[in-house]
Amino acid sequence: MEAPFDANTWDGITGAYYAGYGSVEGLWLLLILAMVVIAIIFGWRHEEHAYKGLKKK
């Protein structure tokens, strides 16, 4: 990742700079959200199966 300014040292750099600007963080966010939804669905299915198994006994 490149810094959004041209300098060799931090001298004279003021303010907040976000170095991740323009990267693919939106893609990573969508992938992580999809993984969370998948984990919730599989967890729900497992719990439902386990509950039905105990209910039959």
C-alpha atoms as a PDB file:
ATOM      1  CA  MET A   1       0.000   0.000   0.000  1.00  0.00           C
ATOM      2  CA  GLU A   2       1.282   3.393  -0.897  1.00  0.00           C
ATOM      3  CA  ALA A   3       0.911   6.358   1.418  1.00  0.00           C
ATOM      4  CA  PRO A   4      -1.273   9.212   0.121  1.00  0.00           C
ATOM      5  CA  PHE A   5       1.634  11.704   0.366  1.00  0.00           C
ATOM      6  CA  ASP A   6       5.208  12.081  -0.801  1.00  0.00           C
ATOM      7  CA  ALA A   7       7.600  12.252   2.157  1.00  0.00           C
ATOM      8  CA  ASN A   8      10.572  10.306   3.447  1.00  0.00           C
ATOM      9  CA  THR A   9       9.920  11.027   7.138  1.00  0.00           C
ATOM     10  CA  TRP A  10       6.956  11.810   9.367  1.00  0.00           C
ATOM     11  CA  ASP A  11       8.230  15.351   9.934  1.00  0.00           C
ATOM     12  CA  GLY A  12       5.646  17.800   8.671  1.00  0.00           C
ATOM     13  CA  ILE A  13       2.889  15.222   8.276  1.00  0.00           C
ATOM     14  CA  THR A  14      -0.217  16.405  10.126  1.00  0.00           C
ATOM     15  CA  GLY A  15      -3.767  15.172  10.295  1.00  0.00           C
ATOM     16  CA  ALA A  16      -5.181  11.709   9.949  1.00  0.00           C
ATOM     17  CA  TYR A  17      -4.349   9.638   6.890  1.00  0.00           C
ATOM     18  CA  TYR A  18      -6.035   6.405   5.966  1.00  0.00           C
ATOM     19  CA  ALA A  19      -3.543   4.231   4.099  1.00  0.00           C
ATOM     20  CA  GLY A  20      -6.155   1.676   3.031  1.00  0.00           C
ATOM     21  CA  TYR A  21      -7.991   4.086   0.752  1.00  0.00           C
ATOM     22  CA  GLY A  22      -8.683   2.557  -2.636  1.00  0.00           C
ATOM     23  CA  SER A  23      -7.902  -1.012  -1.634  1.00  0.00           C
ATOM     24  CA  VAL A  24     -10.229  -4.004  -1.839  1.00  0.00           C
ATOM     25  CA  GLU A  25     -11.454  -3.783   1.744  1.00  0.00           C
ATOM     26  CA  GLY A  26     -15.071  -3.728   0.524  1.00  0.00           C
ATOM     27  CA  LEU A  27     -14.552  -7.160  -0.983  1.00  0.00           C
ATOM     28  CA  TRP A  28     -13.074  -8.470   2.277  1.00  0.00           C
ATOM     29  CA  LEU A  29     -16.007  -7.011   4.212  1.00  0.00           C
ATOM     30  CA  LEU A  30     -18.518  -8.764   1.951  1.00  0.00           C
ATOM     31  CA  LEU A  31     -16.617 -12.058   2.226  1.00  0.00           C
ATOM     32  CA  ILE A  32     -16.542 -11.837   6.018  1.00  0.00           C
ATOM     33  CA  LEU A  33     -20.241 -10.992   6.191  1.00  0.00           C
ATOM     34  CA  ALA A  34     -21.020 -13.961   3.940  1.00  0.00           C
ATOM     35  CA  MET A  35     -18.940 -16.223   6.199  1.00  0.00           C
ATOM     36  CA  VAL A  36     -20.847 -14.971   9.257  1.00  0.00           C
ATOM     37  CA  VAL A  37     -24.193 -15.690   7.588  1.00  0.00           C
ATOM     38  CA  ILE A  38     -22.996 -19.165   6.573  1.00  0.00           C
ATOM     39  CA  ALA A  39     -21.807 -19.856  10.139  1.00  0.00           C
ATOM     40  CA  ILE A  40     -25.185 -18.777  11.525  1.00  0.00           C
ATOM     41  CA  ILE A  41     -27.083 -20.994   9.066  1.00  0.00           C
ATOM     42  CA  PHE A  42     -24.917 -24.069   9.724  1.00  0.00           C
ATOM     43  CA  GLY A  43     -25.067 -23.452  13.495  1.00  0.00           C
ATOM     44  CA  TRP A  44     -28.838 -23.147  13.378  1.00  0.00           C
ATOM     45  CA  ARG A  45     -29.134 -26.366  11.356  1.00  0.00           C
ATOM     46  CA  HIS A  46     -26.859 -28.211  13.771  1.00  0.00           C
ATOM     47  CA  GLU A  47     -28.760 -27.003  16.824  1.00  0.00           C
ATOM     48  CA  GLU A  48     -32.083 -27.934  15.235  1.00  0.00           C
ATOM     49  CA  HIS A  49     -30.775 -31.423  14.444  1.00  0.00           C
ATOM     50  CA  ALA A  50     -29.364 -31.852  17.967  1.00  0.00           C
ATOM     51  CA  TYR A  51     -32.625 -30.656  19.554  1.00  0.00           C
ATOM     52  CA  LYS A  52     -34.704 -33.059  17.479  1.00  0.00           C
ATOM     53  CA  GLY A  53     -32.316 -35.903  18.448  1.00  0.00           C
ATOM     54  CA  LEU A  54     -32.826 -35.216  22.143  1.00  0.00           C
ATOM     55  CA  LYS A  55     -36.568 -34.777  21.766  1.00  0.00           C
ATOM     56  CA  LYS A  56     -36.962 -38.300  20.320  1.00  0.00           C
ATOM     57  CA  LYS A  57     -35.352 -39.981  23.374  1.00  0.00           C
END
